[in-house]
Amino acid sequence: MIIGYDAKRIAYNNTGLGSYGRTLVNDIAEAVQPGTMLNLYTPGTGDDALRRQIKPRTNVRYVYPDNGIGGLSRATWRTFGIVKDLVRDGVRLYHGLSGELPVDIKDTGIKTVVTMHDVIFMRHPEWYGWLDRKIYAWKFRKTCREADRIIAISECTKRDVMLYGDVPAEKIDVIYQSCGTRYKLREGEKKLQEVHTAYMLPERYVVSVGTIEERKNIILAVKAMRLLPDEISLVVVGRPSKYAERVKHFVEANGLSRRVRFLHNVPADDLPAIYQMAEACVYPSRYEGFGLPVIEGIQSGLPVVACTGSCLEEAGGNATIYVDPDDVYGMADAIKQSLKGMPGRDERIATGMQYISRFENADVARQVIQVYSRLLGADL
């Protein structure tokens, strides 16, 4: 039995969709019965460090196009070029890990599952260009129509898929994502010191991890820094966009350059240490399908501050403090409450750790395997 996966994000994306795919594949590979093979289809080798996060097992292998991707980009290959490889390899079920399925896969008889992470381009079209909106909407509607099963990573995402994709509730399984165990494991003092020195980290800081784009709303945390003690800094880790330049201009114009640090292209192996040396995790996003950095922060032993308006309450539970995404004073106050030595901080951390036990890897993998088994009519 061969299960195929869209593994482009696994090989190329450090956080977000890449983390989701790597964690899920590792957990499924460990849980399935002997004789089940997991093929990871990717248009190129990607990042060696990311690929190596897939644990070496006899039932997992990367599959690359025989003759390259020709004139196709990496993005279009997984839409138009992958199907012939799936048929060639005898794949019985294909899982689109990042919200889309290949064109013409419906004609092959291969069963299909797709994970929908969010429908942001529908909820907030103002954050996307005209062409991007058209392409995403076409892929989304086609995938909703053709997929045999849809996995939504939160109740919020399920509601959006039903609304914008005209999908019946019974076609959707809500299965939360986990973030693996690497943030639970405490780094040694040597590693912490190496990372602290390499990135010239401040002595006291709060951390925010995620692409620096308008939706993530990091400007809220930056503005809050003006209301916090001078010894507290903000470390922002993520891939920049045009929005990042606007944020950096604000930082410079308001004399915050010493207290707000931007780190780009941080290797995945260094992220746990950066989290663990922080005093709190801040995630001011206006809209998410789930909000994995909230769980990463809790796993790292940090109190978390996030924003209302989407699904972050599902990820963080009652231990996280939530503020309006435009409330600078509320954000500053929530960060103050989360700093070391503040009353209730340790209790919030303990409550958060207890809450996120529902996202344990083995349980998430078991639920996904059950979706596969029902579709195939066979135990995996």
Protein backbone atom coordinates (compact mmCIF):
# COMPACT_ATOMS: atom_id res chain seq x y z
CA MET A 1 0.00 0.00 0.00
CA ILE A 2 1.52 3.32 -1.09
CA ILE A 3 0.35 6.68 0.23
CA GLY A 4 1.63 9.74 -1.62
CA TYR A 5 2.17 13.20 -0.16
CA ASP A 6 2.66 16.65 -1.61
CA ALA A 7 6.04 17.22 0.06
CA LYS A 8 7.15 20.50 -1.51
CA ARG A 9 6.62 22.39 1.75
CA ILE A 10 8.32 19.62 3.72
CA ALA A 11 11.51 20.13 1.72
CA TYR A 12 11.40 23.90 1.30
CA ASN A 13 9.51 25.58 4.19
CA ASN A 14 11.14 26.01 7.59
CA THR A 15 7.98 26.87 9.54
CA GLY A 16 4.21 26.76 9.05
CA LEU A 17 3.16 24.29 6.36
CA GLY A 18 6.60 22.71 6.36
CA SER A 19 6.48 21.99 10.08
CA TYR A 20 2.98 20.55 9.75
CA GLY A 21 4.01 18.16 6.99
CA ARG A 22 7.23 16.94 8.59
CA THR A 23 5.63 16.31 11.96
CA LEU A 24 2.63 14.50 10.50
CA VAL A 25 4.64 12.27 8.17
CA ASN A 26 7.05 11.28 10.95
CA ASP A 27 4.18 10.35 13.24
CA ILE A 28 2.21 8.46 10.59
CA ALA A 29 5.31 6.53 9.51
CA GLU A 30 5.76 5.35 13.07
CA ALA A 31 2.10 4.37 13.51
CA VAL A 32 1.12 2.58 10.29
CA GLN A 33 1.24 -1.17 9.90
CA PRO A 34 4.11 -2.92 8.07
CA GLY A 35 3.64 -2.86 4.32
CA THR A 36 2.44 0.76 4.14
CA MET A 37 4.87 2.98 2.21
CA LEU A 38 4.88 6.78 2.41
CA ASN A 39 6.12 8.49 -0.76
CA LEU A 40 7.07 12.16 -0.39
CA TYR A 41 6.77 13.88 -3.78
CA THR A 42 8.80 17.05 -4.12
CA PRO A 43 9.93 18.95 -7.25
CA GLY A 44 13.49 19.32 -5.93
CA THR A 45 15.80 18.48 -3.06
CA GLY A 46 15.04 21.70 -1.19
CA ASP A 47 16.84 22.35 2.08
CA ASP A 48 19.02 19.49 3.36
CA ALA A 49 18.41 20.35 7.03
CA LEU A 50 14.65 20.34 6.52
CA ARG A 51 14.65 17.08 4.56
CA ARG A 52 16.66 15.44 7.32
CA GLN A 53 13.91 16.23 9.81
CA ILE A 54 12.05 13.32 8.25
CA LYS A 55 13.42 10.45 10.32
CA PRO A 56 15.14 7.70 8.31
CA ARG A 57 12.78 4.75 8.06
CA THR A 58 12.34 1.95 5.57
CA ASN A 59 8.72 2.96 4.92
CA VAL A 60 9.41 6.59 3.94
CA ARG A 61 11.15 7.84 0.83
CA TYR A 62 11.48 11.05 -1.16
CA VAL A 63 10.43 10.87 -4.80
CA TYR A 64 11.69 13.41 -7.35
CA PRO A 65 10.61 13.92 -10.98
CA ASP A 66 12.51 11.56 -13.29
CA ASN A 67 13.53 14.28 -15.73
CA GLY A 68 13.29 17.34 -13.54
CA ILE A 69 10.32 19.65 -13.73
CA GLY A 70 11.01 20.87 -17.24
CA GLY A 71 9.53 24.29 -17.87
CA LEU A 72 7.31 24.13 -14.79
CA SER A 73 8.00 26.04 -11.61
CA ARG A 74 8.05 24.14 -8.32
CA ALA A 75 4.55 25.44 -7.60
CA THR A 76 3.04 24.46 -10.94
CA TRP A 77 4.73 21.04 -10.97
CA ARG A 78 2.67 19.87 -8.01
CA THR A 79 -0.45 21.13 -9.79
CA PHE A 80 0.19 19.87 -13.32
CA GLY A 81 3.19 17.53 -13.34
CA ILE A 82 2.89 15.16 -10.42
CA VAL A 83 -0.02 12.92 -11.46
CA LYS A 84 1.97 10.77 -13.89
CA ASP A 85 4.44 9.98 -11.09
CA LEU A 86 1.63 8.97 -8.73
CA VAL A 87 0.15 6.64 -11.34
CA ARG A 88 3.58 5.21 -12.22
CA ASP A 89 4.25 4.33 -8.58
CA GLY A 90 0.86 2.76 -7.90
CA VAL A 91 -0.18 5.28 -5.24
CA ARG A 92 -3.52 4.31 -3.67
CA LEU A 93 -4.16 7.50 -1.70
CA TYR A 94 -2.76 11.01 -2.11
CA HIS A 95 -2.70 13.59 0.69
CA GLY A 96 -2.36 17.24 -0.31
CA LEU A 97 -0.77 18.67 2.81
CA SER A 98 -1.11 22.33 1.88
CA GLY A 99 -4.62 22.90 0.61
CA GLU A 100 -4.53 21.74 -2.99
CA LEU A 101 -4.72 18.70 -5.24
CA PRO A 102 -3.17 18.10 -8.66
CA VAL A 103 -5.19 18.70 -11.79
CA ASP A 104 -6.65 15.49 -13.27
CA ILE A 105 -6.02 13.33 -10.21
CA LYS A 106 -9.76 12.66 -10.07
CA ASP A 107 -9.48 10.74 -13.34
CA THR A 108 -6.89 8.29 -11.95
CA GLY A 109 -9.03 6.59 -9.31
CA ILE A 110 -6.52 7.56 -6.61
CA LYS A 111 -8.31 8.43 -3.36
CA THR A 112 -7.63 11.97 -2.16
CA VAL A 113 -7.36 13.76 1.16
CA VAL A 114 -6.51 17.44 1.48
CA THR A 115 -5.60 19.46 4.54
CA MET A 116 -7.11 22.94 4.56
CA HIS A 117 -5.17 25.28 6.81
CA ASP A 118 -7.07 28.50 6.21
CA VAL A 119 -9.13 30.44 3.68
CA ILE A 120 -7.49 33.81 4.27
CA PHE A 121 -7.66 34.88 0.63
CA MET A 122 -11.46 34.63 0.90
CA ARG A 123 -11.83 36.15 4.37
CA HIS A 124 -9.37 38.97 3.71
CA PRO A 125 -8.98 39.50 -0.04
CA GLU A 126 -7.46 42.94 0.63
CA TRP A 127 -4.20 41.23 1.63
CA TYR A 128 -3.73 39.65 -1.82
CA GLY A 129 -3.17 40.84 -5.35
CA TRP A 130 -5.90 40.34 -7.95
CA LEU A 131 -4.14 37.50 -9.78
CA ASP A 132 -3.23 35.64 -6.59
CA ARG A 133 -6.85 35.81 -5.43
CA LYS A 134 -8.07 34.35 -8.72
CA ILE A 135 -5.55 31.50 -8.69
CA TYR A 136 -6.11 30.62 -5.03
CA ALA A 137 -9.89 30.75 -5.39
CA TRP A 138 -9.80 28.47 -8.45
CA LYS A 139 -7.58 25.92 -6.70
CA PHE A 140 -9.64 26.10 -3.51
CA ARG A 141 -13.03 25.55 -5.14
CA LYS A 142 -11.72 22.80 -7.41
CA THR A 143 -10.08 21.03 -4.47
CA CYS A 144 -13.20 21.32 -2.29
CA ARG A 145 -15.25 19.83 -5.08
CA GLU A 146 -12.92 16.95 -5.99
CA ALA A 147 -11.34 15.85 -2.70
CA ASP A 148 -12.76 12.68 -1.18
CA ARG A 149 -12.11 14.00 2.34
CA ILE A 150 -11.07 17.37 3.74
CA ILE A 151 -9.10 17.75 6.96
CA ALA A 152 -9.56 21.15 8.62
CA ILE A 153 -6.94 22.06 11.22
CA SER A 154 -9.45 23.93 13.41
CA GLU A 155 -13.15 24.48 13.88
CA CYS A 156 -12.59 28.00 12.56
CA THR A 157 -11.15 26.63 9.32
CA LYS A 158 -13.98 24.12 9.02
CA ARG A 159 -16.54 26.93 9.22
CA ASP A 160 -14.69 28.91 6.56
CA VAL A 161 -14.38 25.91 4.21
CA MET A 162 -18.10 25.22 4.56
CA LEU A 163 -18.96 28.87 3.92
CA TYR A 164 -16.62 29.73 1.06
CA GLY A 165 -16.26 26.28 -0.51
CA ASP A 166 -19.89 25.24 -0.23
CA VAL A 167 -18.76 22.00 1.41
CA PRO A 168 -21.12 19.90 3.57
CA ALA A 169 -20.03 19.43 7.17
CA GLU A 170 -19.97 15.63 6.84
CA LYS A 171 -17.15 15.83 4.27
CA ILE A 172 -14.80 17.57 6.73
CA ASP A 173 -12.80 16.10 9.61
CA VAL A 174 -11.40 18.55 12.17
CA ILE A 175 -7.98 17.26 13.20
CA TYR A 176 -5.74 19.66 15.05
CA GLN A 177 -2.07 19.75 14.22
CA SER A 178 0.79 19.05 16.58
CA CYS A 179 4.22 20.62 16.48
CA GLY A 180 6.29 17.59 17.32
CA THR A 181 8.51 17.25 20.36
CA ARG A 182 11.52 19.40 19.52
CA TYR A 183 10.20 22.42 21.43
CA LYS A 184 9.51 20.30 24.51
CA LEU A 185 13.13 19.18 24.76
CA ARG A 186 15.26 21.61 26.75
CA GLU A 187 18.43 22.73 25.01
CA GLY A 188 21.73 22.37 26.85
CA GLU A 189 23.52 25.41 28.25
CA LYS A 190 26.19 25.16 25.54
CA LYS A 191 23.62 25.36 22.74
CA LEU A 192 21.79 28.23 24.42
CA GLN A 193 25.00 30.21 24.75
CA GLU A 194 26.02 29.51 21.16
CA VAL A 195 22.67 30.73 19.82
CA HIS A 196 22.62 33.74 22.13
CA THR A 197 26.05 34.79 20.89
CA ALA A 198 25.45 33.98 17.21
CA TYR A 199 22.35 36.17 17.00
CA MET A 200 23.50 38.76 19.56
CA LEU A 201 20.26 38.29 21.45
CA PRO A 202 19.22 40.76 24.17
CA GLU A 203 19.38 39.72 27.81
CA ARG A 204 15.61 40.07 28.24
CA TYR A 205 13.22 39.69 25.33
CA VAL A 206 9.87 38.44 24.11
CA VAL A 207 9.79 36.49 20.86
CA SER A 208 7.45 36.40 17.86
CA VAL A 209 7.89 33.77 15.14
CA GLY A 210 6.22 33.85 11.73
CA THR A 211 6.40 35.42 8.30
CA ILE A 212 6.62 39.20 8.62
CA GLU A 213 3.52 40.09 6.62
CA GLU A 214 0.51 42.33 7.16
CA ARG A 215 -1.76 39.52 8.34
CA LYS A 216 0.64 38.58 11.13
CA ASN A 217 0.28 42.12 12.50
CA ILE A 218 3.69 42.32 14.18
CA ILE A 219 3.35 46.12 14.19
CA LEU A 220 1.04 45.73 17.21
CA ALA A 221 3.82 44.18 19.29
CA VAL A 222 6.31 46.76 17.99
CA LYS A 223 4.05 49.64 19.05
CA ALA A 224 3.56 48.01 22.44
CA MET A 225 7.32 48.15 23.02
CA ARG A 226 7.05 51.93 23.51
CA LEU A 227 4.94 51.23 26.62
CA LEU A 228 7.24 48.59 28.11
CA PRO A 229 10.39 48.98 30.23
CA ASP A 230 13.53 49.79 28.23
CA GLU A 231 15.24 46.56 29.30
CA ILE A 232 12.61 44.48 27.45
CA SER A 233 13.28 43.82 23.77
CA LEU A 234 11.31 42.16 20.97
CA VAL A 235 12.92 39.52 18.76
CA VAL A 236 11.02 38.89 15.52
CA VAL A 237 11.93 35.68 13.67
CA GLY A 238 10.58 35.13 10.18
CA ARG A 239 10.77 35.58 6.45
CA PRO A 240 10.37 39.24 5.43
CA SER A 241 7.92 40.71 2.92
CA LYS A 242 7.26 44.25 1.69
CA TYR A 243 5.30 44.79 4.90
CA ALA A 244 8.50 44.14 6.86
CA GLU A 245 10.06 47.28 5.39
CA ARG A 246 7.15 49.36 6.69
CA VAL A 247 7.59 47.85 10.14
CA LYS A 248 11.33 48.49 10.11
CA HIS A 249 10.73 52.10 9.08
CA PHE A 250 8.40 52.52 12.06
CA VAL A 251 11.04 50.99 14.34
CA GLU A 252 13.68 53.45 13.14
CA ALA A 253 11.36 56.46 13.19
CA ASN A 254 10.38 55.76 16.79
CA GLY A 255 13.84 55.12 18.17
CA LEU A 256 13.25 51.40 18.74
CA SER A 257 16.15 50.02 16.71
CA ARG A 258 18.03 48.96 19.85
CA ARG A 259 15.01 47.11 21.25
CA VAL A 260 13.46 45.42 18.20
CA ARG A 261 15.54 42.77 16.44
CA PHE A 262 14.64 41.07 13.15
CA LEU A 263 16.10 37.64 12.41
CA HIS A 264 15.67 36.11 8.94
CA ASN A 265 16.68 32.69 7.61
CA VAL A 266 17.09 31.19 11.06
CA PRO A 267 17.83 27.44 10.80
CA ALA A 268 15.16 25.21 12.31
CA ASP A 269 17.72 23.77 14.73
CA ASP A 270 18.21 27.18 16.36
CA LEU A 271 14.54 28.05 16.90
CA PRO A 272 14.01 26.04 20.12
CA ALA A 273 16.88 27.86 21.82
CA ILE A 274 15.57 31.27 20.73
CA TYR A 275 12.17 30.41 22.17
CA GLN A 276 13.56 29.00 25.41
CA MET A 277 15.66 32.07 26.23
CA ALA A 278 12.67 34.40 25.80
CA GLU A 279 10.38 35.53 28.63
CA ALA A 280 7.17 35.28 26.61
CA CYS A 281 5.84 34.42 23.16
CA VAL A 282 3.82 37.05 21.29
CA TYR A 283 1.63 36.15 18.31
CA PRO A 284 -0.50 39.17 17.30
CA SER A 285 -1.87 37.71 14.05
CA ARG A 286 -5.21 39.01 12.79
CA TYR A 287 -6.17 35.71 11.19
CA GLU A 288 -4.87 32.14 11.31
CA GLY A 289 -6.15 28.72 10.41
CA PHE A 290 -4.65 27.36 13.61
CA GLY A 291 -1.62 29.25 14.96
CA LEU A 292 1.20 26.75 15.46
CA PRO A 293 3.61 29.28 17.04
CA VAL A 294 1.19 29.55 19.97
CA ILE A 295 1.74 25.85 20.71
CA GLU A 296 5.47 26.15 20.06
CA GLY A 297 5.64 28.94 22.64
CA ILE A 298 3.71 26.94 25.23
CA GLN A 299 5.85 23.85 24.59
CA SER A 300 8.92 26.01 25.13
CA GLY A 301 7.74 26.84 28.63
CA LEU A 302 6.54 30.37 27.87
CA PRO A 303 3.39 32.32 28.62
CA VAL A 304 1.75 33.37 25.35
CA VAL A 305 0.00 36.54 24.23
CA ALA A 306 -2.16 36.31 21.08
CA CYS A 307 -5.03 38.12 19.36
CA THR A 308 -8.74 37.57 19.02
CA GLY A 309 -10.59 37.30 15.73
CA SER A 310 -9.83 33.86 14.34
CA CYS A 311 -8.87 30.51 15.86
CA LEU A 312 -6.02 31.27 18.22
CA GLU A 313 -8.19 30.52 21.25
CA GLU A 314 -8.39 26.93 19.97
CA ALA A 315 -4.59 26.68 19.94
CA GLY A 316 -3.82 28.45 23.21
CA GLY A 317 -6.74 27.68 25.50
CA ASN A 318 -7.42 29.61 28.71
CA ALA A 319 -3.76 30.04 29.68
CA THR A 320 -3.05 32.43 26.81
CA ILE A 321 -3.95 36.12 27.08
CA TYR A 322 -5.89 37.40 24.06
CA VAL A 323 -6.17 41.04 23.01
CA ASP A 324 -7.88 42.89 20.19
CA PRO A 325 -5.52 43.05 17.17
CA ASP A 326 -5.61 46.87 17.25
CA ASP A 327 -5.28 47.34 21.03
CA VAL A 328 -1.73 48.57 21.65
CA TYR A 329 -2.32 49.24 25.35
CA GLY A 330 -3.91 45.82 25.80
CA MET A 331 -0.93 44.16 24.11
CA ALA A 332 1.56 46.06 26.28
CA ASP A 333 -0.33 45.14 29.45
CA ALA A 334 -0.54 41.46 28.42
CA ILE A 335 3.21 41.35 27.77
CA LYS A 336 3.89 42.96 31.16
CA GLN A 337 1.80 40.27 32.85
CA SER A 338 3.89 37.62 31.08
CA LEU A 339 7.36 38.77 32.13
CA LYS A 340 9.46 36.83 34.61
CA GLY A 341 8.52 37.45 38.22
CA MET A 342 4.95 38.55 37.50
CA PRO A 343 2.16 36.97 39.60
CA GLY A 344 0.40 34.03 37.96
CA ARG A 345 3.06 33.53 35.27
CA ASP A 346 4.10 30.05 36.42
CA GLU A 347 0.46 28.97 36.74
CA ARG A 348 -0.24 30.10 33.17
CA ILE A 349 2.71 28.10 31.89
CA ALA A 350 1.58 24.96 33.72
CA THR A 351 -2.03 25.36 32.56
CA GLY A 352 -0.87 25.87 28.99
CA MET A 353 1.23 22.70 29.04
CA GLN A 354 -1.75 20.74 30.30
CA TYR A 355 -4.04 22.22 27.62
CA ILE A 356 -1.80 21.38 24.66
CA SER A 357 -1.64 17.71 25.62
CA ARG A 358 -4.68 17.37 23.31
CA PHE A 359 -2.33 18.00 20.39
CA GLU A 360 -0.11 15.01 21.14
CA ASN A 361 1.53 13.63 18.02
CA ALA A 362 0.35 10.04 18.32
CA ASP A 363 -3.29 11.06 18.73
CA VAL A 364 -3.20 13.39 15.72
CA ALA A 365 -1.55 10.70 13.57
CA ARG A 366 -4.12 8.12 14.68
CA GLN A 367 -6.99 10.38 13.61
CA VAL A 368 -5.46 11.00 10.17
CA ILE A 369 -4.81 7.28 9.65
CA GLN A 370 -8.46 6.62 10.48
CA VAL A 371 -9.45 9.00 7.66
CA TYR A 372 -7.19 7.08 5.27
CA SER A 373 -8.53 3.71 6.42
CA ARG A 374 -12.16 4.68 5.96
CA LEU A 375 -11.47 5.88 2.43
CA LEU A 376 -9.50 2.79 1.44
CA GLY A 377 -11.65 0.29 3.30
CA ALA A 378 -8.54 -1.23 4.85
CA ASP A 379 -6.70 -0.97 8.13
CA LEU A 380 -3.41 0.86 7.98
